[in-house]
């Protein structure tokens, strides 16, 4: 059974669709905006590569993928695949992931929202850039986080 927090998924809309296409294009050409990469993951049903621009978070020397839109298709695919590729221009880096439990997400979410809150704030019902620990812990189940290994 899928719970409400597991099913949270915010679709791109309006001008954001075009912004994502521009970011995708620039990242494919080797230009990273604020740490963007192209995430490539094999589809869980088709086995075909699926790509999506993502913000690569580095925290205490460890890299993470954060899914502020919730349990999106790339999240579902990466759970099945166990990893994928990060692409920037012609560079391709294969990787594996491990999903973090909710209790470890708070400091990572704080760091992510301070850096990219301007971009992802609309995915949440209230201001998340300066959210306290209690609020971050409450939204942690709706924001998948993966440690890149």
Protein backbone atom coordinates (compact mmCIF):
# COMPACT_ATOMS: atom_id res chain seq x y z
CA UNK A 1 0.00 0.00 0.00
CA UNK A 2 1.32 3.45 -0.90
CA UNK A 3 1.11 6.16 1.75
CA UNK A 4 0.53 9.85 1.07
CA UNK A 5 4.18 10.68 1.76
CA UNK A 6 5.39 7.93 -0.56
CA UNK A 7 3.19 9.16 -3.38
CA UNK A 8 4.16 12.87 -3.22
CA UNK A 9 5.36 13.85 -6.66
CA UNK A 10 5.43 17.43 -7.95
CA UNK A 11 5.25 17.75 -11.74
CA UNK A 12 7.11 20.44 -13.67
CA UNK A 13 4.74 23.12 -14.94
CA UNK A 14 4.71 26.32 -16.96
CA UNK A 15 8.00 28.08 -17.54
CA UNK A 16 9.75 25.51 -15.37
CA UNK A 17 9.49 22.98 -18.21
CA UNK A 18 11.49 25.31 -20.46
CA UNK A 19 13.96 26.14 -17.68
CA UNK A 20 14.61 22.40 -17.18
CA UNK A 21 15.19 21.96 -20.92
CA UNK A 22 17.72 24.80 -20.92
CA UNK A 23 19.53 23.39 -17.87
CA UNK A 24 19.52 19.94 -19.49
CA UNK A 25 20.98 21.36 -22.72
CA UNK A 26 23.71 23.37 -20.96
CA UNK A 27 24.68 20.45 -18.71
CA UNK A 28 24.90 18.14 -21.73
CA UNK A 29 27.27 20.71 -23.27
CA UNK A 30 29.46 20.64 -20.13
CA UNK A 31 28.18 23.77 -18.39
CA UNK A 32 27.11 23.08 -14.81
CA UNK A 33 24.81 25.62 -13.17
CA UNK A 34 25.21 25.48 -9.37
CA UNK A 35 26.34 21.84 -9.47
CA UNK A 36 23.87 20.45 -12.00
CA UNK A 37 24.42 17.09 -13.62
CA UNK A 38 22.41 14.94 -15.95
CA UNK A 39 21.23 11.90 -14.03
CA UNK A 40 20.89 8.83 -16.24
CA UNK A 41 19.06 5.83 -14.81
CA UNK A 42 17.79 2.68 -16.48
CA UNK A 43 14.00 2.50 -16.57
CA UNK A 44 12.68 -0.14 -14.19
CA UNK A 45 10.33 -1.61 -16.79
CA UNK A 46 11.91 -0.73 -20.14
CA UNK A 47 15.60 -0.94 -19.23
CA UNK A 48 16.16 2.13 -21.40
CA UNK A 49 18.22 5.08 -20.17
CA UNK A 50 16.11 7.92 -18.74
CA UNK A 51 17.72 11.31 -18.09
CA UNK A 52 16.89 14.21 -15.85
CA UNK A 53 18.81 17.28 -14.65
CA UNK A 54 19.60 17.13 -10.92
CA UNK A 55 21.39 19.26 -8.35
CA UNK A 56 24.37 17.30 -7.01
CA UNK A 57 24.73 17.99 -3.29
CA UNK A 58 28.12 17.68 -1.59
CA UNK A 59 28.00 17.66 2.20
CA UNK A 60 31.04 16.95 4.40
CA UNK A 61 32.85 15.57 1.36
CA UNK A 62 30.09 13.07 0.51
CA UNK A 63 27.85 13.42 -2.53
CA UNK A 64 24.07 13.03 -2.47
CA UNK A 65 21.09 13.13 -4.78
CA UNK A 66 18.07 14.84 -3.27
CA UNK A 67 14.60 14.55 -4.82
CA UNK A 68 12.73 17.71 -3.72
CA UNK A 69 9.82 16.83 -6.03
CA UNK A 70 9.24 13.66 -4.03
CA UNK A 71 8.89 10.10 -5.25
CA UNK A 72 9.39 10.83 -8.94
CA UNK A 73 10.04 8.38 -11.75
CA UNK A 74 13.82 8.77 -11.44
CA UNK A 75 13.54 7.97 -7.73
CA UNK A 76 11.54 4.82 -8.46
CA UNK A 77 13.99 3.82 -11.19
CA UNK A 78 17.11 4.39 -9.11
CA UNK A 79 15.69 2.31 -6.26
CA UNK A 80 15.35 -0.63 -8.64
CA UNK A 81 18.60 -0.03 -10.56
CA UNK A 82 20.72 0.73 -7.47
CA UNK A 83 22.65 3.40 -9.34
CA UNK A 84 23.13 5.10 -12.66
CA UNK A 85 25.36 7.66 -14.30
CA UNK A 86 26.09 11.32 -13.67
CA UNK A 87 26.87 13.19 -16.85
CA UNK A 88 28.44 16.56 -17.46
CA UNK A 89 29.33 17.26 -21.06
CA UNK A 90 31.28 14.27 -22.36
CA UNK A 91 32.17 13.02 -18.89
CA UNK A 92 30.15 10.08 -17.62
CA UNK A 93 30.53 8.78 -14.08
CA UNK A 94 28.88 5.48 -13.16
CA UNK A 95 27.77 5.29 -9.51
CA UNK A 96 25.80 3.27 -7.00
CA UNK A 97 23.45 4.65 -4.37
CA UNK A 98 22.10 3.85 -0.95
CA UNK A 99 18.92 5.54 0.24
CA UNK A 100 19.11 7.37 3.55
CA UNK A 101 16.63 6.77 6.35
CA UNK A 102 14.53 9.78 7.34
CA UNK A 103 16.37 10.38 10.63
CA UNK A 104 19.63 11.14 8.77
CA UNK A 105 18.15 13.63 6.28
CA UNK A 106 17.69 16.78 8.40
CA UNK A 107 21.20 18.31 8.05
CA UNK A 108 21.32 17.37 4.36
CA UNK A 109 17.92 18.91 3.66
CA UNK A 110 18.95 22.09 5.50
CA UNK A 111 22.09 22.38 3.36
CA UNK A 112 20.19 21.57 0.15
CA UNK A 113 17.43 24.10 0.86
CA UNK A 114 19.91 26.85 1.75
CA UNK A 115 21.62 26.31 -1.59
CA UNK A 116 18.65 25.59 -3.86
CA UNK A 117 15.66 26.82 -1.84
CA UNK A 118 15.03 29.56 -4.40
CA UNK A 119 14.55 26.85 -7.03
CA UNK A 120 12.56 24.23 -5.10
CA UNK A 121 10.52 26.26 -2.59
CA UNK A 122 7.35 26.02 -4.68
CA UNK A 123 7.28 22.24 -4.11
CA UNK A 124 6.39 22.82 -0.44
CA UNK A 125 3.49 24.42 1.42
CA UNK A 126 5.65 26.77 3.46
CA UNK A 127 9.08 28.42 3.50
CA UNK A 128 11.70 25.69 3.65
CA UNK A 129 14.87 27.74 3.26
CA UNK A 130 15.02 28.58 6.98
CA UNK A 131 12.97 25.64 8.28
CA UNK A 132 13.77 24.36 11.77
CA UNK A 133 14.72 20.77 12.62
CA UNK A 134 11.13 19.85 13.48
CA UNK A 135 9.81 20.99 10.10
CA UNK A 136 12.67 19.31 8.20
CA UNK A 137 12.04 16.06 10.09
CA UNK A 138 8.35 16.30 9.18
CA UNK A 139 9.02 16.63 5.45
CA UNK A 140 11.91 14.12 5.37
CA UNK A 141 9.68 11.15 4.41
CA UNK A 142 8.49 13.08 1.33
CA UNK A 143 12.02 13.94 0.09
CA UNK A 144 14.08 10.91 -0.94
CA UNK A 145 17.84 11.30 -0.43
CA UNK A 146 20.48 8.96 -1.88
CA UNK A 147 24.13 8.73 -0.90
CA UNK A 148 26.34 8.27 -3.94
CA UNK A 149 28.86 5.46 -3.45
